[in-house]
Amino acid sequence: MPGEALSMDASIEHWACDRAQTIMLEEGFRLIHSARSGTPGDIRETSLRMARAIAASLVEARESSRPRQMRE
């Protein structure tokens, strides 16, 4: 039904915004801290950690958007 698709889109959008905010608050803070007081290696490691968090959220979003039958 069209209404269900719209509701699902809004739900996914809300989840994505919440997840992005969480990643930026947690990993972004670590990146700022390492940029101010860390070594280049610390900055690189923290950047990779943020990239992994973003990648994991994309996989999570992809998995949750697949029909249940395809996930089992």
Protein backbone atom coordinates (compact mmCIF):
# COMPACT_ATOMS: atom_id res chain seq x y z
CA MET A 1 0.00 0.00 0.00
CA PRO A 2 1.27 3.53 -0.72
CA GLY A 3 0.69 4.68 2.85
CA GLU A 4 2.80 1.83 4.22
CA ALA A 5 5.69 2.68 1.90
CA LEU A 6 5.56 6.33 2.96
CA SER A 7 5.49 5.31 6.62
CA MET A 8 8.45 2.97 6.12
CA ASP A 9 10.39 5.70 4.30
CA ALA A 10 9.75 8.12 7.16
CA SER A 11 10.79 5.47 9.68
CA ILE A 12 14.03 4.74 7.80
CA GLU A 13 14.74 8.45 7.48
CA HIS A 14 14.20 8.96 11.22
CA TRP A 15 16.45 5.98 12.03
CA ALA A 16 19.16 7.28 9.67
CA CYS A 17 19.12 10.74 11.24
CA ASP A 18 19.32 9.29 14.75
CA ARG A 19 22.14 6.94 13.77
CA ALA A 20 24.10 9.71 12.01
CA GLN A 21 23.76 11.94 15.06
CA THR A 22 24.99 9.16 17.35
CA ILE A 23 28.00 8.45 15.14
CA MET A 24 28.92 12.13 14.92
CA LEU A 25 28.55 12.66 18.66
CA GLU A 26 30.60 9.63 19.62
CA GLU A 27 33.15 9.24 16.85
CA GLY A 28 33.27 12.91 15.90
CA PHE A 29 34.18 13.85 19.46
CA ARG A 30 36.99 11.29 19.43
CA LEU A 31 38.25 12.64 16.11
CA ILE A 32 38.25 16.24 17.37
CA HIS A 33 40.09 15.18 20.50
CA SER A 34 42.74 13.25 18.56
CA ALA A 35 43.14 16.11 16.08
CA ARG A 36 43.86 18.49 18.95
CA SER A 37 46.17 16.35 21.02
CA GLY A 38 47.01 13.18 19.14
CA THR A 39 49.68 12.01 16.81
CA PRO A 40 49.08 11.54 13.09
CA GLY A 41 48.64 7.83 13.84
CA ASP A 42 45.97 8.61 16.43
CA ILE A 43 44.13 10.80 13.94
CA ARG A 44 44.31 8.10 11.26
CA GLU A 45 43.07 5.42 13.67
CA THR A 46 40.20 7.61 14.88
CA SER A 47 39.24 8.46 11.30
CA LEU A 48 39.15 4.77 10.43
CA ARG A 49 37.02 4.10 13.50
CA MET A 50 34.51 6.70 12.30
CA ALA A 51 34.56 5.19 8.80
CA ARG A 52 33.88 1.73 10.25
CA ALA A 53 30.93 3.06 12.27
CA ILE A 54 29.46 4.65 9.13
CA ALA A 55 30.00 1.46 7.11
CA ALA A 56 28.39 -0.65 9.84
CA SER A 57 25.35 1.63 9.90
CA LEU A 58 25.00 1.31 6.12
CA VAL A 59 25.11 -2.49 6.36
CA GLU A 60 22.57 -2.36 9.18
CA ALA A 61 20.26 -0.13 7.13
CA ARG A 62 20.60 -2.40 4.10
CA GLU A 63 19.83 -5.51 6.13
CA SER A 64 16.81 -3.96 7.81
CA SER A 65 15.38 -2.78 4.48
CA ARG A 66 15.46 -6.28 2.95
CA PRO A 67 12.26 -8.31 3.13
CA ARG A 68 12.24 -10.68 6.10
CA GLN A 69 12.21 -13.79 3.84
CA MET A 70 15.51 -12.73 2.25
CA ARG A 71 17.19 -12.22 5.64
CA GLU A 72 16.46 -15.75 6.87
